[in-house]
């Protein structure tokens, strides 16, 4: 249902340095790159993510309660995405680990939370068997 998610930035070059390596870990690159907007993903692929300077010319701000979730393939990728985020100007909002209790099938929500350099909140997650 979701085609892509756009997050505001006040420094597109800094945002690119943050999102380029995250996108690379997910196996995608830039699919659009304009002076005020960069989108990462694959045309006709899974939903992508974009960073943009606001169209109205005002300062980009963070949405309180807004978060973008990146679906990982395994726990190792959750950790890699978290580490990549922190290594590229992001900040931690919660180290990788299980959240909540396993469901009736033994599956647990496993996630790591981080913010990009503009303060936008993201997480890397998957549903996985409790170990």
N, C-alpha and C. Protein backbone atom coordinates (compact mmCIF):
# COMPACT_ATOMS: atom_id res chain seq x y z
N UNK A 1 0.81 -1.19 0.00
CA UNK A 1 0.00 0.00 0.00
C UNK A 1 0.86 1.26 0.00
N UNK A 2 1.93 1.30 0.76
CA UNK A 2 2.77 2.49 0.82
C UNK A 2 3.78 2.43 -0.32
N UNK A 3 3.87 3.52 -1.08
CA UNK A 3 4.83 3.60 -2.17
C UNK A 3 6.19 4.05 -1.70
N UNK A 4 6.21 5.09 -0.85
CA UNK A 4 7.44 5.57 -0.23
C UNK A 4 7.09 6.51 0.89
N UNK A 5 8.06 6.79 1.74
CA UNK A 5 7.91 7.69 2.86
C UNK A 5 8.91 8.81 2.67
N UNK A 6 8.49 10.04 2.89
CA UNK A 6 9.37 11.20 2.77
C UNK A 6 9.60 11.82 4.13
N UNK A 7 10.86 12.10 4.44
CA UNK A 7 11.23 12.76 5.69
C UNK A 7 11.90 14.08 5.36
N UNK A 8 11.58 15.09 6.14
CA UNK A 8 12.17 16.41 5.92
C UNK A 8 13.60 16.48 6.41
N UNK A 9 14.39 17.30 5.73
CA UNK A 9 15.77 17.54 6.15
C UNK A 9 16.11 19.01 5.94
N UNK A 10 17.01 19.50 6.76
CA UNK A 10 17.53 20.85 6.60
C UNK A 10 18.90 20.84 5.95
N UNK A 11 19.44 19.65 5.72
CA UNK A 11 20.77 19.50 5.12
C UNK A 11 20.74 18.23 4.26
N UNK A 12 20.43 18.38 2.98
CA UNK A 12 20.27 17.23 2.11
C UNK A 12 21.56 16.43 1.95
N UNK A 13 22.71 17.10 1.90
CA UNK A 13 23.97 16.37 1.78
C UNK A 13 24.21 15.50 3.01
N UNK A 14 23.92 16.03 4.19
CA UNK A 14 24.08 15.24 5.43
C UNK A 14 23.10 14.07 5.43
N UNK A 15 21.87 14.32 5.00
CA UNK A 15 20.87 13.24 4.92
C UNK A 15 21.35 12.16 3.95
N UNK A 16 21.93 12.55 2.83
CA UNK A 16 22.43 11.58 1.86
C UNK A 16 23.54 10.72 2.46
N UNK A 17 24.43 11.33 3.24
CA UNK A 17 25.50 10.56 3.89
C UNK A 17 24.94 9.57 4.90
N UNK A 18 23.78 9.86 5.47
CA UNK A 18 23.13 8.96 6.41
C UNK A 18 22.38 7.85 5.68
N UNK A 19 21.56 8.21 4.68
CA UNK A 19 20.69 7.23 4.03
C UNK A 19 21.38 6.41 2.94
N UNK A 20 22.41 6.91 2.28
CA UNK A 20 23.10 6.12 1.25
C UNK A 20 23.57 4.76 1.79
N UNK A 21 24.29 4.71 2.94
CA UNK A 21 24.74 3.40 3.42
C UNK A 21 23.60 2.52 3.95
N UNK A 22 22.55 3.12 4.50
CA UNK A 22 21.39 2.31 4.92
C UNK A 22 20.75 1.66 3.70
N UNK A 23 20.56 2.45 2.65
CA UNK A 23 19.96 1.92 1.42
C UNK A 23 20.84 0.82 0.83
N UNK A 24 22.16 1.04 0.84
CA UNK A 24 23.08 0.03 0.30
C UNK A 24 22.93 -1.29 1.06
N UNK A 25 22.80 -1.22 2.38
CA UNK A 25 22.61 -2.44 3.18
C UNK A 25 21.32 -3.15 2.79
N UNK A 26 20.32 -2.38 2.36
CA UNK A 26 19.04 -2.97 1.95
C UNK A 26 19.04 -3.39 0.48
N UNK A 27 20.17 -3.18 -0.21
CA UNK A 27 20.31 -3.62 -1.60
C UNK A 27 19.72 -2.68 -2.62
N UNK A 28 19.56 -1.41 -2.26
CA UNK A 28 19.04 -0.42 -3.20
C UNK A 28 19.92 0.82 -3.20
N UNK A 29 19.70 1.66 -4.17
CA UNK A 29 20.42 2.93 -4.26
C UNK A 29 19.43 4.05 -4.48
N UNK A 30 19.96 5.15 -4.95
CA UNK A 30 19.11 6.30 -5.25
C UNK A 30 18.31 6.03 -6.52
N UNK A 31 17.02 6.26 -6.47
CA UNK A 31 16.21 6.11 -7.68
C UNK A 31 15.78 7.46 -8.23
N UNK A 32 15.87 8.52 -7.41
CA UNK A 32 15.64 9.89 -7.85
C UNK A 32 16.58 10.78 -7.07
N UNK A 33 17.15 11.75 -7.74
CA UNK A 33 18.10 12.65 -7.08
C UNK A 33 17.99 14.02 -7.73
N UNK A 34 17.35 14.94 -7.03
CA UNK A 34 17.18 16.31 -7.52
C UNK A 34 17.88 17.25 -6.55
N UNK A 35 17.86 18.51 -6.80
CA UNK A 35 18.53 19.48 -5.94
C UNK A 35 18.00 19.55 -4.52
N UNK A 36 16.75 19.23 -4.32
CA UNK A 36 16.16 19.34 -2.99
C UNK A 36 15.53 18.03 -2.52
N UNK A 37 15.73 16.95 -3.25
CA UNK A 37 15.02 15.70 -2.97
C UNK A 37 15.84 14.51 -3.43
N UNK A 38 15.97 13.51 -2.56
CA UNK A 38 16.61 12.24 -2.94
C UNK A 38 15.69 11.12 -2.48
N UNK A 39 15.44 10.15 -3.35
CA UNK A 39 14.65 8.97 -2.99
C UNK A 39 15.49 7.73 -3.20
N UNK A 40 15.42 6.81 -2.24
CA UNK A 40 16.14 5.54 -2.30
C UNK A 40 15.13 4.42 -2.45
N UNK A 41 15.45 3.45 -3.27
CA UNK A 41 14.57 2.31 -3.47
C UNK A 41 14.75 1.77 -4.87
N UNK A 42 13.78 0.98 -5.31
CA UNK A 42 13.76 0.41 -6.66
C UNK A 42 12.40 0.71 -7.27
N UNK A 43 12.38 1.23 -8.49
CA UNK A 43 11.08 1.39 -9.13
C UNK A 43 10.37 0.04 -9.17
N UNK A 44 9.11 0.04 -8.82
CA UNK A 44 8.28 -1.17 -8.78
C UNK A 44 8.78 -2.18 -7.75
N UNK A 45 9.58 -1.72 -6.78
CA UNK A 45 10.06 -2.59 -5.71
C UNK A 45 9.29 -2.32 -4.43
N UNK A 46 9.89 -2.71 -3.32
CA UNK A 46 9.29 -2.45 -2.01
C UNK A 46 9.23 -0.94 -1.78
N UNK A 47 8.43 -0.48 -0.83
CA UNK A 47 8.37 0.95 -0.56
C UNK A 47 9.75 1.54 -0.31
N UNK A 48 9.95 2.75 -0.77
CA UNK A 48 11.22 3.45 -0.61
C UNK A 48 11.14 4.52 0.45
N UNK A 49 12.26 5.22 0.61
CA UNK A 49 12.35 6.32 1.56
C UNK A 49 12.98 7.51 0.85
N UNK A 50 12.55 8.69 1.21
CA UNK A 50 13.08 9.90 0.58
C UNK A 50 13.39 10.95 1.64
N UNK A 51 14.34 11.80 1.34
CA UNK A 51 14.66 12.96 2.17
C UNK A 51 14.48 14.19 1.30
N UNK A 52 13.89 15.22 1.85
CA UNK A 52 13.63 16.42 1.07
C UNK A 52 13.68 17.67 1.92
N UNK A 53 14.08 18.75 1.31
CA UNK A 53 13.91 20.05 1.93
C UNK A 53 12.44 20.41 1.74
N UNK A 54 11.77 20.94 2.76
CA UNK A 54 10.35 21.23 2.63
C UNK A 54 10.03 22.15 1.45
N UNK A 55 8.97 21.81 0.74
CA UNK A 55 8.53 22.55 -0.44
C UNK A 55 8.22 24.00 -0.11
N UNK A 56 7.68 24.26 1.09
CA UNK A 56 7.31 25.62 1.46
C UNK A 56 8.49 26.49 1.86
N UNK A 57 9.70 25.92 1.87
CA UNK A 57 10.90 26.69 2.18
C UNK A 57 11.14 26.89 3.66
N UNK A 58 10.24 26.44 4.50
CA UNK A 58 10.41 26.57 5.94
C UNK A 58 11.31 25.45 6.45
N UNK A 59 11.71 25.58 7.71
CA UNK A 59 12.58 24.58 8.33
C UNK A 59 11.86 23.23 8.48
N UNK A 60 12.58 22.15 8.19
CA UNK A 60 12.05 20.81 8.41
C UNK A 60 12.01 20.57 9.91
N UNK A 61 10.93 19.95 10.37
CA UNK A 61 10.79 19.60 11.78
C UNK A 61 10.39 18.13 11.89
N UNK A 62 10.58 17.59 13.08
CA UNK A 62 10.30 16.18 13.34
C UNK A 62 8.85 16.03 13.79
N UNK A 63 8.18 15.01 13.29
CA UNK A 63 6.82 14.72 13.74
C UNK A 63 6.86 13.92 15.03
N UNK A 64 6.24 14.44 16.08
CA UNK A 64 6.20 13.74 17.35
C UNK A 64 5.26 12.54 17.22
N UNK A 65 5.80 11.35 17.41
CA UNK A 65 5.02 10.13 17.25
C UNK A 65 5.15 9.51 15.87
N UNK A 66 5.87 10.16 14.98
CA UNK A 66 6.08 9.65 13.63
C UNK A 66 7.34 8.79 13.60
N UNK A 67 7.26 7.64 12.94
CA UNK A 67 8.42 6.76 12.82
C UNK A 67 8.31 5.98 11.52
N UNK A 68 9.45 5.74 10.90
CA UNK A 68 9.52 4.92 9.69
C UNK A 68 10.20 3.61 10.06
N UNK A 69 9.57 2.50 9.69
CA UNK A 69 10.10 1.17 10.01
C UNK A 69 10.67 0.53 8.75
N UNK A 70 11.90 0.03 8.86
CA UNK A 70 12.59 -0.64 7.76
C UNK A 70 12.61 -2.14 8.06
N UNK A 71 11.99 -2.94 7.21
CA UNK A 71 11.93 -4.38 7.46
C UNK A 71 13.25 -5.04 7.08
N UNK A 72 13.87 -5.68 8.05
CA UNK A 72 15.14 -6.37 7.85
C UNK A 72 14.89 -7.84 7.54
N UNK A 73 15.92 -8.51 6.99
CA UNK A 73 15.77 -9.93 6.65
C UNK A 73 16.10 -10.85 7.81
N UNK A 74 16.92 -10.36 8.77
CA UNK A 74 17.29 -11.17 9.92
C UNK A 74 17.83 -10.27 11.03
N UNK A 75 18.12 -10.87 12.18
CA UNK A 75 18.61 -10.09 13.32
C UNK A 75 19.96 -9.44 13.03
N UNK A 76 20.80 -10.12 12.29
CA UNK A 76 22.10 -9.53 11.95
C UNK A 76 21.92 -8.25 11.14
N UNK A 77 20.96 -8.24 10.24
CA UNK A 77 20.73 -7.03 9.45
C UNK A 77 20.15 -5.91 10.32
N UNK A 78 19.30 -6.26 11.28
CA UNK A 78 18.82 -5.23 12.22
C UNK A 78 20.02 -4.57 12.88
N UNK A 79 20.95 -5.36 13.36
CA UNK A 79 22.16 -4.83 14.02
C UNK A 79 23.01 -4.01 13.06
N UNK A 80 23.19 -4.51 11.84
CA UNK A 80 23.99 -3.75 10.86
C UNK A 80 23.35 -2.40 10.56
N UNK A 81 22.03 -2.38 10.35
CA UNK A 81 21.35 -1.12 10.06
C UNK A 81 21.49 -0.14 11.23
N UNK A 82 21.34 -0.64 12.43
CA UNK A 82 21.52 0.18 13.63
C UNK A 82 22.94 0.74 13.68
N UNK A 83 23.93 -0.12 13.48
CA UNK A 83 25.33 0.32 13.51
C UNK A 83 25.63 1.32 12.40
N UNK A 84 25.11 1.08 11.21
CA UNK A 84 25.31 2.01 10.09
C UNK A 84 24.70 3.37 10.43
N UNK A 85 23.51 3.36 11.00
CA UNK A 85 22.85 4.62 11.37
C UNK A 85 23.72 5.40 12.36
N UNK A 86 24.20 4.75 13.39
CA UNK A 86 25.01 5.43 14.40
C UNK A 86 26.34 5.90 13.83
N UNK A 87 26.92 5.15 12.91
CA UNK A 87 28.20 5.51 12.31
C UNK A 87 28.08 6.67 11.33
N UNK A 88 26.85 7.00 10.93
CA UNK A 88 26.66 8.04 9.92
C UNK A 88 25.83 9.21 10.44
N UNK A 89 26.00 9.52 11.71
CA UNK A 89 25.39 10.71 12.27
C UNK A 89 24.07 10.49 12.98
N UNK A 90 23.60 9.24 13.05
CA UNK A 90 22.36 8.95 13.76
C UNK A 90 22.58 8.81 15.25
N UNK A 91 21.49 8.74 15.99
CA UNK A 91 21.58 8.55 17.43
C UNK A 91 20.65 7.40 17.83
N UNK A 92 21.02 6.75 18.93
CA UNK A 92 20.27 5.58 19.38
C UNK A 92 18.99 5.97 20.09
N UNK A 93 17.95 5.19 19.81
CA UNK A 93 16.68 5.30 20.52
C UNK A 93 16.31 3.95 21.12
N UNK A 94 17.21 2.98 21.01
CA UNK A 94 16.96 1.65 21.56
C UNK A 94 17.77 0.61 20.81
N UNK A 95 18.67 -0.05 21.52
CA UNK A 95 19.54 -1.05 20.91
C UNK A 95 18.73 -2.24 20.39
N UNK A 96 19.34 -3.02 19.47
CA UNK A 96 18.65 -4.19 18.93
C UNK A 96 18.26 -5.17 20.03
N UNK A 97 17.04 -5.70 19.90
CA UNK A 97 16.59 -6.70 20.85
C UNK A 97 15.11 -6.99 20.67
N UNK A 98 14.63 -8.04 21.34
CA UNK A 98 13.21 -8.37 21.26
C UNK A 98 12.38 -7.34 22.02
N UNK A 99 11.17 -7.10 21.55
CA UNK A 99 10.24 -6.19 22.20
C UNK A 99 8.93 -6.95 22.44
N UNK A 100 8.45 -6.89 23.64
CA UNK A 100 7.20 -7.56 23.95
C UNK A 100 7.37 -9.05 24.13
N UNK A 101 6.26 -9.73 24.18
CA UNK A 101 6.23 -11.18 24.38
C UNK A 101 5.98 -11.88 23.05
N UNK A 102 6.46 -13.12 22.92
CA UNK A 102 6.18 -13.88 21.70
C UNK A 102 4.69 -14.08 21.52
N UNK A 103 4.26 -14.16 20.25
CA UNK A 103 2.85 -14.44 19.96
C UNK A 103 2.59 -15.94 20.10
N UNK A 104 1.40 -16.38 19.75
CA UNK A 104 1.02 -17.79 19.92
C UNK A 104 1.85 -18.75 19.08
N UNK A 105 2.57 -18.21 18.07
CA UNK A 105 3.44 -19.04 17.22
C UNK A 105 4.91 -18.94 17.61
N UNK A 106 5.18 -18.27 18.74
CA UNK A 106 6.56 -18.12 19.18
C UNK A 106 7.32 -17.02 18.47
N UNK A 107 6.61 -16.18 17.73
CA UNK A 107 7.26 -15.09 17.00
C UNK A 107 7.31 -13.84 17.89
N UNK A 108 8.42 -13.15 17.82
CA UNK A 108 8.60 -11.94 18.61
C UNK A 108 9.02 -10.79 17.69
N UNK A 109 8.61 -9.59 18.07
CA UNK A 109 9.01 -8.38 17.36
C UNK A 109 10.42 -8.06 17.81
N UNK A 110 11.37 -8.03 16.86
CA UNK A 110 12.78 -7.77 17.14
C UNK A 110 13.15 -6.49 16.43
N UNK A 111 13.67 -5.50 17.16
CA UNK A 111 13.88 -4.19 16.54
C UNK A 111 15.02 -3.42 17.19
N UNK A 112 15.51 -2.45 16.44
CA UNK A 112 16.45 -1.44 16.93
C UNK A 112 15.89 -0.09 16.49
N UNK A 113 16.02 0.92 17.34
CA UNK A 113 15.47 2.24 17.07
C UNK A 113 16.58 3.27 17.00
N UNK A 114 16.46 4.21 16.05
CA UNK A 114 17.46 5.26 15.90
C UNK A 114 16.85 6.48 15.23
N UNK A 115 17.56 7.59 15.33
CA UNK A 115 17.14 8.83 14.68
C UNK A 115 18.18 9.23 13.65
N UNK A 116 17.71 9.84 12.57
CA UNK A 116 18.64 10.36 11.58
C UNK A 116 19.19 11.70 12.08
N UNK A 117 20.15 12.31 11.37
CA UNK A 117 20.74 13.56 11.86
C UNK A 117 19.76 14.72 12.02
N UNK A 118 18.61 14.65 11.35
CA UNK A 118 17.60 15.70 11.51
C UNK A 118 16.63 15.39 12.66
N UNK A 119 16.77 14.22 13.29
CA UNK A 119 15.91 13.86 14.40
C UNK A 119 14.72 12.99 14.03
N UNK A 120 14.59 12.62 12.76
CA UNK A 120 13.50 11.73 12.34
C UNK A 120 13.75 10.34 12.92
N UNK A 121 12.69 9.74 13.48
CA UNK A 121 12.84 8.43 14.12
C UNK A 121 12.58 7.30 13.13
N UNK A 122 13.46 6.30 13.17
CA UNK A 122 13.34 5.10 12.34
C UNK A 122 13.57 3.88 13.21
N UNK A 123 13.19 2.73 12.67
CA UNK A 123 13.60 1.48 13.30
C UNK A 123 13.87 0.46 12.21
N UNK A 124 14.68 -0.52 12.58
CA UNK A 124 14.90 -1.70 11.74
C UNK A 124 14.27 -2.84 12.52
N UNK A 125 13.46 -3.68 11.86
CA UNK A 125 12.71 -4.69 12.57
C UNK A 125 12.50 -5.96 11.75
N UNK A 126 12.06 -7.01 12.43
CA UNK A 126 11.52 -8.20 11.80
C UNK A 126 10.74 -8.97 12.85
N UNK A 127 9.87 -9.83 12.38
CA UNK A 127 9.20 -10.80 13.26
C UNK A 127 10.05 -12.06 13.16
N UNK A 128 10.46 -12.59 14.31
CA UNK A 128 11.40 -13.71 14.32
C UNK A 128 11.05 -14.66 15.46
N UNK A 129 11.47 -15.90 15.31
CA UNK A 129 11.28 -16.88 16.38
C UNK A 129 12.08 -16.44 17.60
N UNK A 130 11.48 -16.55 18.75
CA UNK A 130 12.18 -16.23 19.99
C UNK A 130 13.30 -17.22 20.17
N UNK A 131 14.48 -16.73 20.51
CA UNK A 131 15.63 -17.65 20.69
C UNK A 131 16.08 -17.67 22.13
